[in-house]
Amino acid sequence: MAADLSSGTQALSLASMPIAFGLALGYVLLKPRRRGRTGLRTALRVLLPKGIWLHPSTLLDVQYILVGSLAFSVVFGYTLLSGYAVTSGVSEALAGVFGPREAPAGVPVVALGALVLVQYLAFEFTYWLYHLLSHKVPFLWEFHKVHHSATVLTPFANWRVHPVDTILYVNALSLFGGATGGAIYYWFGEDAWLTSAVGSGVLYALYLSLWGHLQHSQLWIAFTGLPGRLVLSPAHHQIHHSDNPVHFDKNFGAGFAIWDWLFGTLHVPQREREALHFGTRNDRHLKKLVPSLVYPFRHAARHLLGVFRRPKRKVSRPPGAAPTDLKVEPARVGQAADREHASGAA
C-alpha cells in the first residue's frame, strides 16, 4: 500500500541519519584548511551548533517527528491509491490493448540495470513534478509552506511536512511509480518488475544516506560544473529554501538534477558558501504545531473559493500620465510573493 511506503520511508530516514552524520563528520574533518585539519571537537561544534539545534524552528521539527511517528501514520496514513494496484491495472490495460504477453525467458543484466534506473527516474520525476506544483498552485502551496517556514535547516526539517502534503505526494508517487512498474511488468515480466522496484529502493536508500539528509543542514557541500547539473547537492537544496527571489522556484528534484536541468528550474550553487536566509512571509500561524496543522486548511480553502471569483485588478499610473493612460494589470497571484523573508538566520 502507498501508506506502507510512507511509513517505510520514515523508518529508512531515521535509520540512515547516523550514516549521514558520520559522512558529514568525515567531510568536515578531512576538508583542507589554511591552518591544517579540523579537530574533532571543532568539527562537532560545526555540525552541532547550539544556536541551530536548540532553535525554536528545530524544536518544532522535533515535534513533527514525535507526532508524526505516533499519529500521522495512523490518522493520515490512508491514501486513495496503491502502487501495486496501479501496477496491476496498467499491466492489465496494456494486455487489453496489445494482447497477452509472456515474460521473456531471461532479461540481460544490463537491461535489468536500465530498468532499475528507469524506475528510479520515475520516482525522481514524480518528486520534481509534485514539488513544482506545490509551489505553483496556491492551494497546494498553503500546505507545502509548512515545510518552507523553517528558519534554520537541520535534517529534522525533513519531517516538518503537513500531512495533506504527504498524502498528496504519496498518491502521486503511487500513480507515476505504479504506472512505470506496470509497463515493466507487462513487457519484461514479474521478476524484472520486482528487480526494478527493489533496485530503485536501494538507490533511494543510498541517496538518503550519502547526501539526502545533508540537504537540510547548514553544511555547505556544493556540486558545480557538470556534476552540479546531474546531482542535487546539499547546497542546491539550501538554495531552494532561500528567501532570495533569485532562488525562488529552483531545484525541485530529490537527488538527481536531470529534471530541473531539462525543464529550466536548475540553479547550480557556487563553490564558496553563499549567504542565505530561510523562512517565509506571513507565517506566524506556522510557528507552533497545532496552528501549523489547522490553519493551512483555512488558507487553502480561500484559494479554492477564489478560483470561482473574479480576480481583483489593480490600476497603476506612470508618473505624469493622464487618466486616459492608466495601465490596468491583473492582481499578482502566486507563491513567489509569499516566499519573501520574514525572520530567521541561515
C-alpha atoms as a PDB file:
ATOM      1  CA  MET A   1       0.000   0.000   0.000  1.00  0.00           C
ATOM      2  CA  ALA A   2       1.035   3.588  -0.522  1.00  0.00           C
ATOM      3  CA  ALA A   3       0.660   4.197   3.194  1.00  0.00           C
ATOM      4  CA  ASP A   4       3.214   1.474   3.817  1.00  0.00           C
ATOM      5  CA  LEU A   5       5.601   3.299   1.500  1.00  0.00           C
ATOM      6  CA  SER A   6       5.185   6.496   3.511  1.00  0.00           C
ATOM      7  CA  SER A   7       5.822   4.857   6.872  1.00  0.00           C
ATOM      8  CA  GLY A   8       8.682   2.801   5.429  1.00  0.00           C
ATOM      9  CA  THR A   9      10.340   5.941   4.133  1.00  0.00           C
ATOM     10  CA  GLN A  10      10.118   7.491   7.603  1.00  0.00           C
ATOM     11  CA  ALA A  11      11.799   4.457   9.145  1.00  0.00           C
ATOM     12  CA  LEU A  12      14.505   4.455   6.484  1.00  0.00           C
ATOM     13  CA  SER A  13      15.120   8.169   7.052  1.00  0.00           C
ATOM     14  CA  LEU A  14      15.658   7.689  10.770  1.00  0.00           C
ATOM     15  CA  ALA A  15      17.832   4.612  10.276  1.00  0.00           C
ATOM     16  CA  SER A  16      20.074   6.293   7.709  1.00  0.00           C
ATOM     17  CA  MET A  17      20.589   9.503   9.680  1.00  0.00           C
ATOM     18  CA  PRO A  18      23.621   8.177  11.660  1.00  0.00           C
ATOM     19  CA  ILE A  19      25.282   7.253   8.366  1.00  0.00           C
ATOM     20  CA  ALA A  20      24.727  10.771   7.045  1.00  0.00           C
ATOM     21  CA  PHE A  21      26.111  12.257  10.269  1.00  0.00           C
ATOM     22  CA  GLY A  22      29.229  10.089  10.014  1.00  0.00           C
ATOM     23  CA  LEU A  23      29.817  11.189   6.427  1.00  0.00           C
ATOM     24  CA  ALA A  24      29.299  14.835   7.362  1.00  0.00           C
ATOM     25  CA  LEU A  25      31.763  14.484  10.229  1.00  0.00           C
ATOM     26  CA  GLY A  26      34.332  12.938   7.907  1.00  0.00           C
ATOM     27  CA  TYR A  27      33.818  15.731   5.394  1.00  0.00           C
ATOM     28  CA  VAL A  28      34.465  18.437   7.995  1.00  0.00           C
ATOM     29  CA  LEU A  29      37.480  16.601   9.458  1.00  0.00           C
ATOM     30  CA  LEU A  30      39.138  15.935   6.103  1.00  0.00           C
ATOM     31  CA  LYS A  31      38.317  19.193   4.311  1.00  0.00           C
ATOM     32  CA  PRO A  32      41.586  21.104   3.709  1.00  0.00           C
ATOM     33  CA  ARG A  33      42.020  24.274   5.771  1.00  0.00           C
ATOM     34  CA  ARG A  34      44.609  27.039   5.677  1.00  0.00           C
ATOM     35  CA  ARG A  35      45.558  26.239   9.258  1.00  0.00           C
ATOM     36  CA  GLY A  36      45.618  22.473   8.902  1.00  0.00           C
ATOM     37  CA  ARG A  37      42.964  19.878   9.561  1.00  0.00           C
ATOM     38  CA  THR A  38      39.956  20.458  11.770  1.00  0.00           C
ATOM     39  CA  GLY A  39      39.976  18.776  15.173  1.00  0.00           C
ATOM     40  CA  LEU A  40      37.189  16.501  16.365  1.00  0.00           C
ATOM     41  CA  ARG A  41      35.809  18.941  18.957  1.00  0.00           C
ATOM     42  CA  THR A  42      35.792  21.761  16.415  1.00  0.00           C
ATOM     43  CA  ALA A  43      34.106  19.544  13.848  1.00  0.00           C
ATOM     44  CA  LEU A  44      31.373  18.617  16.317  1.00  0.00           C
ATOM     45  CA  ARG A  45      30.809  22.303  17.098  1.00  0.00           C
ATOM     46  CA  VAL A  46      30.491  22.960  13.365  1.00  0.00           C
ATOM     47  CA  LEU A  47      27.924  20.198  12.903  1.00  0.00           C
ATOM     48  CA  LEU A  48      26.015  20.694  16.162  1.00  0.00           C
ATOM     49  CA  PRO A  49      25.854  24.434  16.871  1.00  0.00           C
ATOM     50  CA  LYS A  50      23.525  25.160  19.793  1.00  0.00           C
ATOM     51  CA  GLY A  51      22.065  28.195  18.048  1.00  0.00           C
ATOM     52  CA  ILE A  52      20.641  25.950  15.327  1.00  0.00           C
ATOM     53  CA  TRP A  53      19.873  22.677  17.085  1.00  0.00           C
ATOM     54  CA  LEU A  54      18.133  24.439  20.000  1.00  0.00           C
ATOM     55  CA  HIS A  55      16.426  26.990  17.768  1.00  0.00           C
ATOM     56  CA  PRO A  56      12.595  27.170  18.101  1.00  0.00           C
ATOM     57  CA  SER A  57      12.335  26.194  14.438  1.00  0.00           C
ATOM     58  CA  THR A  58      14.286  22.990  15.087  1.00  0.00           C
ATOM     59  CA  LEU A  59      12.231  22.209  18.179  1.00  0.00           C
ATOM     60  CA  LEU A  60       9.092  22.437  16.036  1.00  0.00           C
ATOM     61  CA  ASP A  61      10.694  19.970  13.627  1.00  0.00           C
ATOM     62  CA  VAL A  62      11.181  17.566  16.551  1.00  0.00           C
ATOM     63  CA  GLN A  63       7.507  17.923  17.482  1.00  0.00           C
ATOM     64  CA  TYR A  64       6.585  16.950  13.926  1.00  0.00           C
ATOM     65  CA  ILE A  65       8.774  13.856  14.210  1.00  0.00           C
ATOM     66  CA  LEU A  66       7.186  12.790  17.502  1.00  0.00           C
ATOM     67  CA  VAL A  67       3.599  13.487  16.500  1.00  0.00           C
ATOM     68  CA  GLY A  68       4.144  12.027  13.032  1.00  0.00           C
ATOM     69  CA  SER A  69       5.528   8.797  14.439  1.00  0.00           C
ATOM     70  CA  LEU A  70       2.622   8.418  16.853  1.00  0.00           C
ATOM     71  CA  ALA A  71      -0.353   9.717  14.933  1.00  0.00           C
ATOM     72  CA  PHE A  72       0.127  10.707  11.289  1.00  0.00           C
ATOM     73  CA  SER A  73       0.823   7.200  10.033  1.00  0.00           C
ATOM     74  CA  VAL A  74      -2.443   6.036  11.649  1.00  0.00           C
ATOM     75  CA  VAL A  75      -4.753   9.022  11.218  1.00  0.00           C
ATOM     76  CA  PHE A  76      -3.447  10.375   7.919  1.00  0.00           C
ATOM     77  CA  GLY A  77      -1.729   7.303   6.513  1.00  0.00           C
ATOM     78  CA  TYR A  78      -4.652   6.174   4.383  1.00  0.00           C
ATOM     79  CA  THR A  79      -4.192   7.009   0.734  1.00  0.00           C
ATOM     80  CA  LEU A  80      -6.518   6.560  -2.198  1.00  0.00           C
ATOM     81  CA  LEU A  81      -4.042   4.822  -4.465  1.00  0.00           C
ATOM     82  CA  SER A  82      -1.966   1.707  -4.025  1.00  0.00           C
ATOM     83  CA  GLY A  83       1.192   1.422  -6.088  1.00  0.00           C
ATOM     84  CA  TYR A  84       0.624  -2.296  -6.565  1.00  0.00           C
ATOM     85  CA  ALA A  85      -2.986  -1.717  -7.671  1.00  0.00           C
ATOM     86  CA  VAL A  86      -1.835   0.844 -10.243  1.00  0.00           C
ATOM     87  CA  THR A  87       0.873  -1.548 -11.449  1.00  0.00           C
ATOM     88  CA  SER A  88      -1.663  -4.342 -11.895  1.00  0.00           C
ATOM     89  CA  GLY A  89      -4.167  -2.043 -13.597  1.00  0.00           C
ATOM     90  CA  VAL A  90      -1.637  -0.681 -16.086  1.00  0.00           C
ATOM     91  CA  SER A  91      -0.314  -4.162 -16.857  1.00  0.00           C
ATOM     92  CA  GLU A  92      -3.851  -5.439 -17.496  1.00  0.00           C
ATOM     93  CA  ALA A  93      -4.686  -2.392 -19.610  1.00  0.00           C
ATOM     94  CA  LEU A  94      -1.611  -2.957 -21.779  1.00  0.00           C
ATOM     95  CA  ALA A  95      -2.586  -6.607 -22.148  1.00  0.00           C
ATOM     96  CA  GLY A  96      -6.022  -5.490 -23.305  1.00  0.00           C
ATOM     97  CA  VAL A  97      -4.532  -3.167 -25.930  1.00  0.00           C
ATOM     98  CA  PHE A  98      -1.594  -5.225 -27.180  1.00  0.00           C
ATOM     99  CA  GLY A  99      -2.757  -8.688 -26.167  1.00  0.00           C
ATOM    100  CA  PRO A 100      -1.429 -11.074 -23.502  1.00  0.00           C
ATOM    101  CA  ARG A 101       2.336 -11.331 -23.368  1.00  0.00           C
ATOM    102  CA  GLU A 102       4.553 -13.994 -21.821  1.00  0.00           C
ATOM    103  CA  ALA A 103       7.543 -12.866 -19.810  1.00  0.00           C
ATOM    104  CA  PRO A 104      10.919 -13.272 -21.525  1.00  0.00           C
ATOM    105  CA  ALA A 105      12.862 -16.358 -20.527  1.00  0.00           C
ATOM    106  CA  GLY A 106      15.674 -14.188 -19.242  1.00  0.00           C
ATOM    107  CA  VAL A 107      16.444 -10.468 -19.086  1.00  0.00           C
ATOM    108  CA  PRO A 108      20.107  -9.473 -19.523  1.00  0.00           C
ATOM    109  CA  VAL A 109      21.793  -7.891 -16.515  1.00  0.00           C
ATOM    110  CA  VAL A 110      22.402  -4.691 -18.457  1.00  0.00           C
ATOM    111  CA  ALA A 111      18.701  -4.464 -19.287  1.00  0.00           C
ATOM    112  CA  LEU A 112      17.791  -5.062 -15.626  1.00  0.00           C
ATOM    113  CA  GLY A 113      20.123  -2.254 -14.620  1.00  0.00           C
ATOM    114  CA  ALA A 114      18.433   0.024 -17.146  1.00  0.00           C
ATOM    115  CA  LEU A 115      15.018  -0.903 -15.752  1.00  0.00           C
ATOM    116  CA  VAL A 116      16.177  -0.063 -12.222  1.00  0.00           C
ATOM    117  CA  LEU A 117      17.302   3.335 -13.479  1.00  0.00           C
ATOM    118  CA  VAL A 118      14.001   3.883 -15.307  1.00  0.00           C
ATOM    119  CA  GLN A 119      12.018   3.068 -12.158  1.00  0.00           C
ATOM    120  CA  TYR A 120      14.175   5.408 -10.079  1.00  0.00           C
ATOM    121  CA  LEU A 121      13.884   8.212 -12.635  1.00  0.00           C
ATOM    122  CA  ALA A 122      10.107   7.774 -12.441  1.00  0.00           C
ATOM    123  CA  PHE A 123      10.356   8.427  -8.700  1.00  0.00           C
ATOM    124  CA  GLU A 124      12.568  11.459  -9.332  1.00  0.00           C
ATOM    125  CA  PHE A 125      10.146  12.821 -11.937  1.00  0.00           C
ATOM    126  CA  THR A 126       7.181  12.367  -9.601  1.00  0.00           C
ATOM    127  CA  TYR A 127       9.043  14.201  -6.836  1.00  0.00           C
ATOM    128  CA  TRP A 128      10.044  17.006  -9.211  1.00  0.00           C
ATOM    129  CA  LEU A 129       6.570  17.425 -10.718  1.00  0.00           C
ATOM    130  CA  TYR A 130       4.648  17.345  -7.455  1.00  0.00           C
ATOM    131  CA  HIS A 131       7.194  19.640  -5.824  1.00  0.00           C
ATOM    132  CA  LEU A 132       6.839  22.086  -8.725  1.00  0.00           C
ATOM    133  CA  LEU A 133       3.046  22.057  -8.460  1.00  0.00           C
ATOM    134  CA  SER A 134       3.188  22.525  -4.688  1.00  0.00           C
ATOM    135  CA  HIS A 135       4.970  25.834  -5.313  1.00  0.00           C
ATOM    136  CA  LYS A 136       2.985  26.983  -8.327  1.00  0.00           C
ATOM    137  CA  VAL A 137      -0.558  26.103  -7.222  1.00  0.00           C
ATOM    138  CA  PRO A 138      -1.630  28.415  -4.363  1.00  0.00           C
ATOM    139  CA  PHE A 139      -3.925  25.762  -2.834  1.00  0.00           C
ATOM    140  CA  LEU A 140      -1.062  23.263  -2.613  1.00  0.00           C
ATOM    141  CA  TRP A 141       1.424  25.924  -1.500  1.00  0.00           C
ATOM    142  CA  GLU A 142      -0.504  26.588   1.717  1.00  0.00           C
ATOM    143  CA  PHE A 143       0.263  23.022   2.847  1.00  0.00           C
ATOM    144  CA  HIS A 144       3.787  22.882   1.439  1.00  0.00           C
ATOM    145  CA  LYS A 145       4.525  26.257   3.027  1.00  0.00           C
ATOM    146  CA  VAL A 146       4.691  24.465   6.384  1.00  0.00           C
ATOM    147  CA  HIS A 147       7.950  22.889   5.266  1.00  0.00           C
ATOM    148  CA  HIS A 148       9.401  26.146   3.965  1.00  0.00           C
ATOM    149  CA  SER A 149       8.557  28.025   7.156  1.00  0.00           C
ATOM    150  CA  ALA A 150      11.682  26.565   8.791  1.00  0.00           C
ATOM    151  CA  THR A 151      14.091  29.428   9.502  1.00  0.00           C
ATOM    152  CA  VAL A 152      17.048  27.125  10.185  1.00  0.00           C
ATOM    153  CA  LEU A 153      17.812  23.858   8.438  1.00  0.00           C
ATOM    154  CA  THR A 154      18.679  20.574  10.112  1.00  0.00           C
ATOM    155  CA  PRO A 155      17.933  17.010   8.939  1.00  0.00           C
ATOM    156  CA  PHE A 156      14.906  17.121  11.242  1.00  0.00           C
ATOM    157  CA  ALA A 157      13.296  19.583   8.811  1.00  0.00           C
ATOM    158  CA  ASN A 158      12.665  16.576   6.552  1.00  0.00           C
ATOM    159  CA  TRP A 159       9.768  15.719   8.859  1.00  0.00           C
ATOM    160  CA  ARG A 160       8.219  19.196   9.000  1.00  0.00           C
ATOM    161  CA  VAL A 161       5.648  18.344   6.353  1.00  0.00           C
ATOM    162  CA  HIS A 162       1.900  18.853   6.583  1.00  0.00           C
ATOM    163  CA  PRO A 163       0.023  15.521   6.415  1.00  0.00           C
ATOM    164  CA  VAL A 164      -2.031  16.721   3.430  1.00  0.00           C
ATOM    165  CA  ASP A 165       1.211  17.432   1.587  1.00  0.00           C
ATOM    166  CA  THR A 166       2.403  13.924   2.401  1.00  0.00           C
ATOM    167  CA  ILE A 167      -0.846  12.229   1.361  1.00  0.00           C
ATOM    168  CA  LEU A 168      -0.987  14.014  -1.996  1.00  0.00           C
ATOM    169  CA  TYR A 169       2.658  13.279  -2.745  1.00  0.00           C
ATOM    170  CA  VAL A 170       2.404   9.581  -1.841  1.00  0.00           C
ATOM    171  CA  ASN A 171      -0.652   9.222  -4.062  1.00  0.00           C
ATOM    172  CA  ALA A 172       1.233  10.899  -6.912  1.00  0.00           C
ATOM    173  CA  LEU A 173       4.140   8.519  -6.323  1.00  0.00           C
ATOM    174  CA  SER A 174       1.781   5.542  -6.401  1.00  0.00           C
ATOM    175  CA  LEU A 175       0.309   6.793  -9.670  1.00  0.00           C
ATOM    176  CA  PHE A 176       3.510   7.518 -11.605  1.00  0.00           C
ATOM    177  CA  GLY A 177       5.668   4.835  -9.993  1.00  0.00           C
ATOM    178  CA  GLY A 178       2.898   2.269 -10.308  1.00  0.00           C
ATOM    179  CA  ALA A 179       2.328   3.140 -13.967  1.00  0.00           C
ATOM    180  CA  THR A 180       6.035   2.724 -14.707  1.00  0.00           C
ATOM    181  CA  GLY A 181       6.060  -0.567 -12.820  1.00  0.00           C
ATOM    182  CA  GLY A 182       3.008  -1.747 -14.764  1.00  0.00           C
ATOM    183  CA  ALA A 183       4.751  -1.136 -18.075  1.00  0.00           C
ATOM    184  CA  ILE A 184       7.832  -3.012 -16.858  1.00  0.00           C
ATOM    185  CA  TYR A 185       5.638  -5.867 -15.575  1.00  0.00           C
ATOM    186  CA  TYR A 186       3.867  -6.236 -18.920  1.00  0.00           C
ATOM    187  CA  TRP A 187       6.891  -6.040 -21.190  1.00  0.00           C
ATOM    188  CA  PHE A 188       9.529  -7.798 -19.066  1.00  0.00           C
ATOM    189  CA  GLY A 189       7.648  -9.919 -16.514  1.00  0.00           C
ATOM    190  CA  GLU A 190       7.186 -10.102 -12.767  1.00  0.00           C
ATOM    191  CA  ASP A 191      10.821 -10.884 -11.920  1.00  0.00           C
ATOM    192  CA  ALA A 192      12.082  -7.853 -13.818  1.00  0.00           C
ATOM    193  CA  TRP A 193       9.441  -5.670 -12.163  1.00  0.00           C
ATOM    194  CA  LEU A 194      10.464  -6.872  -8.681  1.00  0.00           C
ATOM    195  CA  THR A 195      14.131  -6.276  -9.513  1.00  0.00           C
ATOM    196  CA  SER A 196      13.426  -2.741 -10.701  1.00  0.00           C
ATOM    197  CA  ALA A 197      11.335  -1.984  -7.594  1.00  0.00           C
ATOM    198  CA  VAL A 198      13.930  -3.323  -5.161  1.00  0.00           C
ATOM    199  CA  GLY A 199      16.823  -1.766  -7.083  1.00  0.00           C
ATOM    200  CA  SER A 200      15.216   1.669  -7.156  1.00  0.00           C
ATOM    201  CA  GLY A 201      14.618   1.351  -3.402  1.00  0.00           C
ATOM    202  CA  VAL A 202      18.311   0.632  -2.901  1.00  0.00           C
ATOM    203  CA  LEU A 203      19.229   3.709  -4.965  1.00  0.00           C
ATOM    204  CA  TYR A 204      16.903   5.819  -2.828  1.00  0.00           C
ATOM    205  CA  ALA A 205      18.487   4.464   0.361  1.00  0.00           C
ATOM    206  CA  LEU A 206      21.955   5.315  -0.978  1.00  0.00           C
ATOM    207  CA  TYR A 207      20.873   8.840  -1.901  1.00  0.00           C
ATOM    208  CA  LEU A 208      19.332   9.397   1.517  1.00  0.00           C
ATOM    209  CA  SER A 209      22.351   8.045   3.407  1.00  0.00           C
ATOM    210  CA  LEU A 210      25.050   9.739   1.347  1.00  0.00           C
ATOM    211  CA  TRP A 211      23.718  13.267   0.929  1.00  0.00           C
ATOM    212  CA  GLY A 212      19.922  13.356   1.208  1.00  0.00           C
ATOM    213  CA  HIS A 213      19.844  14.215   4.926  1.00  0.00           C
ATOM    214  CA  LEU A 214      22.525  16.852   4.449  1.00  0.00           C
ATOM    215  CA  GLN A 215      20.288  18.765   2.025  1.00  0.00           C
ATOM    216  CA  HIS A 216      18.524  20.102   5.120  1.00  0.00           C
ATOM    217  CA  SER A 217      21.561  21.280   7.049  1.00  0.00           C
ATOM    218  CA  GLN A 218      23.861  24.267   7.430  1.00  0.00           C
ATOM    219  CA  LEU A 219      26.731  22.282   5.894  1.00  0.00           C
ATOM    220  CA  TRP A 220      27.653  23.800   2.524  1.00  0.00           C
ATOM    221  CA  ILE A 221      28.596  20.996   0.120  1.00  0.00           C
ATOM    222  CA  ALA A 222      28.252  22.261  -3.437  1.00  0.00           C
ATOM    223  CA  PHE A 223      28.424  20.275  -6.668  1.00  0.00           C
ATOM    224  CA  THR A 224      29.362  22.583  -9.520  1.00  0.00           C
ATOM    225  CA  GLY A 225      30.053  22.205 -13.242  1.00  0.00           C
ATOM    226  CA  LEU A 226      28.699  19.063 -14.886  1.00  0.00           C
ATOM    227  CA  PRO A 227      28.214  17.193 -11.552  1.00  0.00           C
ATOM    228  CA  GLY A 228      26.047  20.126 -10.403  1.00  0.00           C
ATOM    229  CA  ARG A 229      23.813  19.587 -13.444  1.00  0.00           C
ATOM    230  CA  LEU A 230      23.390  15.897 -12.718  1.00  0.00           C
ATOM    231  CA  VAL A 231      23.193  15.654  -8.918  1.00  0.00           C
ATOM    232  CA  LEU A 232      21.454  17.960  -6.433  1.00  0.00           C
ATOM    233  CA  SER A 233      23.982  18.597  -3.675  1.00  0.00           C
ATOM    234  CA  PRO A 234      23.067  19.882  -0.196  1.00  0.00           C
ATOM    235  CA  ALA A 235      23.846  23.411  -1.410  1.00  0.00           C
ATOM    236  CA  HIS A 236      21.309  23.002  -4.239  1.00  0.00           C
ATOM    237  CA  HIS A 237      18.512  22.337  -1.788  1.00  0.00           C
ATOM    238  CA  GLN A 238      19.587  25.066   0.611  1.00  0.00           C
ATOM    239  CA  ILE A 239      19.209  27.438  -2.335  1.00  0.00           C
ATOM    240  CA  HIS A 240      15.726  26.001  -2.868  1.00  0.00           C
ATOM    241  CA  HIS A 241      14.853  27.102   0.692  1.00  0.00           C
ATOM    242  CA  SER A 242      16.409  30.554   0.240  1.00  0.00           C
ATOM    243  CA  ASP A 243      14.255  33.651   0.645  1.00  0.00           C
ATOM    244  CA  ASN A 244      16.169  35.436  -2.135  1.00  0.00           C
ATOM    245  CA  PRO A 245      13.786  35.995  -5.115  1.00  0.00           C
ATOM    246  CA  VAL A 246      16.610  34.899  -7.440  1.00  0.00           C
ATOM    247  CA  HIS A 247      16.329  31.428  -5.909  1.00  0.00           C
ATOM    248  CA  PHE A 248      12.532  31.105  -5.978  1.00  0.00           C
ATOM    249  CA  ASP A 249      11.151  28.031  -7.752  1.00  0.00           C
ATOM    250  CA  LYS A 250      14.534  26.403  -8.318  1.00  0.00           C
ATOM    251  CA  ASN A 251      15.941  22.929  -7.665  1.00  0.00           C
ATOM    252  CA  PHE A 252      12.743  20.916  -7.199  1.00  0.00           C
ATOM    253  CA  GLY A 253      14.297  17.475  -7.585  1.00  0.00           C
ATOM    254  CA  ALA A 254      15.261  14.968  -4.901  1.00  0.00           C
ATOM    255  CA  GLY A 255      18.698  13.531  -5.652  1.00  0.00           C
ATOM    256  CA  PHE A 256      19.165  13.989  -9.396  1.00  0.00           C
ATOM    257  CA  ALA A 257      19.188  17.359 -11.158  1.00  0.00           C
ATOM    258  CA  ILE A 258      18.240  15.930 -14.553  1.00  0.00           C
ATOM    259  CA  TRP A 259      14.585  17.056 -14.499  1.00  0.00           C
ATOM    260  CA  ASP A 260      15.460  20.520 -13.199  1.00  0.00           C
ATOM    261  CA  TRP A 261      18.114  20.821 -15.895  1.00  0.00           C
ATOM    262  CA  LEU A 262      15.750  19.584 -18.605  1.00  0.00           C
ATOM    263  CA  PHE A 263      12.859  21.905 -17.664  1.00  0.00           C
ATOM    264  CA  GLY A 264      14.866  25.014 -16.776  1.00  0.00           C
ATOM    265  CA  THR A 265      14.383  25.056 -12.996  1.00  0.00           C
ATOM    266  CA  LEU A 266      18.014  24.317 -12.106  1.00  0.00           C
ATOM    267  CA  HIS A 267      20.188  26.763 -10.154  1.00  0.00           C
ATOM    268  CA  VAL A 268      23.756  25.487  -9.699  1.00  0.00           C
ATOM    269  CA  PRO A 269      25.350  26.823  -6.493  1.00  0.00           C
ATOM    270  CA  GLN A 270      28.724  28.495  -6.188  1.00  0.00           C
ATOM    271  CA  ARG A 271      31.593  26.511  -4.730  1.00  0.00           C
ATOM    272  CA  GLU A 272      32.054  29.002  -1.895  1.00  0.00           C
ATOM    273  CA  ARG A 273      29.280  29.318   0.668  1.00  0.00           C
ATOM    274  CA  GLU A 274      26.566  31.799  -0.235  1.00  0.00           C
ATOM    275  CA  ALA A 275      24.855  33.961   2.387  1.00  0.00           C
ATOM    276  CA  LEU A 276      21.340  32.530   2.578  1.00  0.00           C
ATOM    277  CA  HIS A 277      18.350  33.196   4.805  1.00  0.00           C
ATOM    278  CA  PHE A 278      15.401  30.865   5.162  1.00  0.00           C
ATOM    279  CA  GLY A 279      11.739  31.239   6.001  1.00  0.00           C
ATOM    280  CA  THR A 280       8.502  32.562   4.530  1.00  0.00           C
ATOM    281  CA  ARG A 281       6.381  35.673   4.819  1.00  0.00           C
ATOM    282  CA  ASN A 282       3.096  35.959   6.745  1.00  0.00           C
ATOM    283  CA  ASP A 283       3.689  32.659   8.533  1.00  0.00           C
ATOM    284  CA  ARG A 284       3.005  33.439  12.198  1.00  0.00           C
ATOM    285  CA  HIS A 285       0.399  30.668  12.137  1.00  0.00           C
ATOM    286  CA  LEU A 286       3.145  28.176  11.245  1.00  0.00           C
ATOM    287  CA  LYS A 287       5.398  28.770  14.249  1.00  0.00           C
ATOM    288  CA  LYS A 288       3.584  26.312  16.539  1.00  0.00           C
ATOM    289  CA  LEU A 289       2.493  22.735  15.968  1.00  0.00           C
ATOM    290  CA  VAL A 290      -1.308  22.854  16.236  1.00  0.00           C
ATOM    291  CA  PRO A 291      -1.829  26.104  14.278  1.00  0.00           C
ATOM    292  CA  SER A 292       0.546  24.860  11.566  1.00  0.00           C
ATOM    293  CA  LEU A 293      -1.645  21.780  11.171  1.00  0.00           C
ATOM    294  CA  VAL A 294      -5.001  23.579  11.250  1.00  0.00           C
ATOM    295  CA  TYR A 295      -4.575  26.960   9.570  1.00  0.00           C
ATOM    296  CA  PRO A 296      -3.362  25.700   6.160  1.00  0.00           C
ATOM    297  CA  PHE A 297      -6.844  24.249   5.614  1.00  0.00           C
ATOM    298  CA  ARG A 298      -8.352  27.701   6.127  1.00  0.00           C
ATOM    299  CA  HIS A 299      -5.886  29.464   3.850  1.00  0.00           C
ATOM    300  CA  ALA A 300      -6.122  26.767   1.185  1.00  0.00           C
ATOM    301  CA  ALA A 301      -9.925  26.996   1.233  1.00  0.00           C
ATOM    302  CA  ARG A 302      -9.662  30.718   0.487  1.00  0.00           C
ATOM    303  CA  HIS A 303      -7.613  29.962  -2.619  1.00  0.00           C
ATOM    304  CA  LEU A 304     -10.067  27.294  -3.671  1.00  0.00           C
ATOM    305  CA  LEU A 305     -13.015  29.671  -3.300  1.00  0.00           C
ATOM    306  CA  GLY A 306     -11.061  32.363  -5.114  1.00  0.00           C
ATOM    307  CA  VAL A 307     -10.992  30.221  -8.236  1.00  0.00           C
ATOM    308  CA  PHE A 308     -14.725  30.852  -8.627  1.00  0.00           C
ATOM    309  CA  ARG A 309     -14.429  34.581  -8.050  1.00  0.00           C
ATOM    310  CA  ARG A 310     -13.298  37.263 -10.449  1.00  0.00           C
ATOM    311  CA  PRO A 311      -9.684  38.248  -9.598  1.00  0.00           C
ATOM    312  CA  LYS A 312      -9.114  41.762  -8.348  1.00  0.00           C
ATOM    313  CA  ARG A 313      -7.363  44.172 -10.676  1.00  0.00           C
ATOM    314  CA  LYS A 314      -5.053  46.960  -9.730  1.00  0.00           C
ATOM    315  CA  VAL A 315      -4.566  50.266 -11.539  1.00  0.00           C
ATOM    316  CA  SER A 316      -1.177  51.910 -11.836  1.00  0.00           C
ATOM    317  CA  ARG A 317      -0.435  55.361 -13.277  1.00  0.00           C
ATOM    318  CA  PRO A 318       3.076  56.140 -14.520  1.00  0.00           C
ATOM    319  CA  PRO A 319       4.479  59.480 -13.263  1.00  0.00           C
ATOM    320  CA  GLY A 320       2.937  62.344 -15.232  1.00  0.00           C
ATOM    321  CA  ALA A 321       0.442  60.114 -17.044  1.00  0.00           C
ATOM    322  CA  ALA A 322      -3.041  61.380 -17.801  1.00  0.00           C
ATOM    323  CA  PRO A 323      -6.070  59.431 -16.514  1.00  0.00           C
ATOM    324  CA  THR A 324      -6.576  58.034 -20.019  1.00  0.00           C
ATOM    325  CA  ASP A 325      -3.085  56.494 -19.847  1.00  0.00           C
ATOM    326  CA  LEU A 326      -3.917  54.319 -16.878  1.00  0.00           C
ATOM    327  CA  LYS A 327      -2.469  50.833 -17.090  1.00  0.00           C
ATOM    328  CA  VAL A 328      -4.673  48.061 -15.723  1.00  0.00           C
ATOM    329  CA  GLU A 329      -2.858  44.945 -14.548  1.00  0.00           C
ATOM    330  CA  PRO A 330      -4.171  41.711 -13.036  1.00  0.00           C
ATOM    331  CA  ALA A 331      -3.537  41.284  -9.336  1.00  0.00           C
ATOM    332  CA  ARG A 332      -0.387  39.368  -8.565  1.00  0.00           C
ATOM    333  CA  VAL A 333      -1.233  35.845  -7.526  1.00  0.00           C
ATOM    334  CA  GLY A 334       1.075  33.015  -6.628  1.00  0.00           C
ATOM    335  CA  GLN A 335       3.507  31.777  -4.042  1.00  0.00           C
ATOM    336  CA  ALA A 336       6.554  33.777  -5.149  1.00  0.00           C
ATOM    337  CA  ALA A 337       5.296  36.895  -3.365  1.00  0.00           C
ATOM    338  CA  ASP A 338       4.551  34.761  -0.330  1.00  0.00           C
ATOM    339  CA  ARG A 339       8.086  33.361  -0.068  1.00  0.00           C
ATOM    340  CA  GLU A 340       9.709  36.657   0.951  1.00  0.00           C
ATOM    341  CA  HIS A 341      11.881  36.591   4.059  1.00  0.00           C
ATOM    342  CA  ALA A 342      10.177  37.185   7.384  1.00  0.00           C
ATOM    343  CA  SER A 343      12.766  36.378  10.008  1.00  0.00           C
ATOM    344  CA  GLY A 344      15.497  33.923  10.890  1.00  0.00           C
ATOM    345  CA  ALA A 345      19.121  33.169  10.113  1.00  0.00           C
ATOM    346  CA  ALA A 346      20.897  30.870   7.728  1.00  0.00           C
END
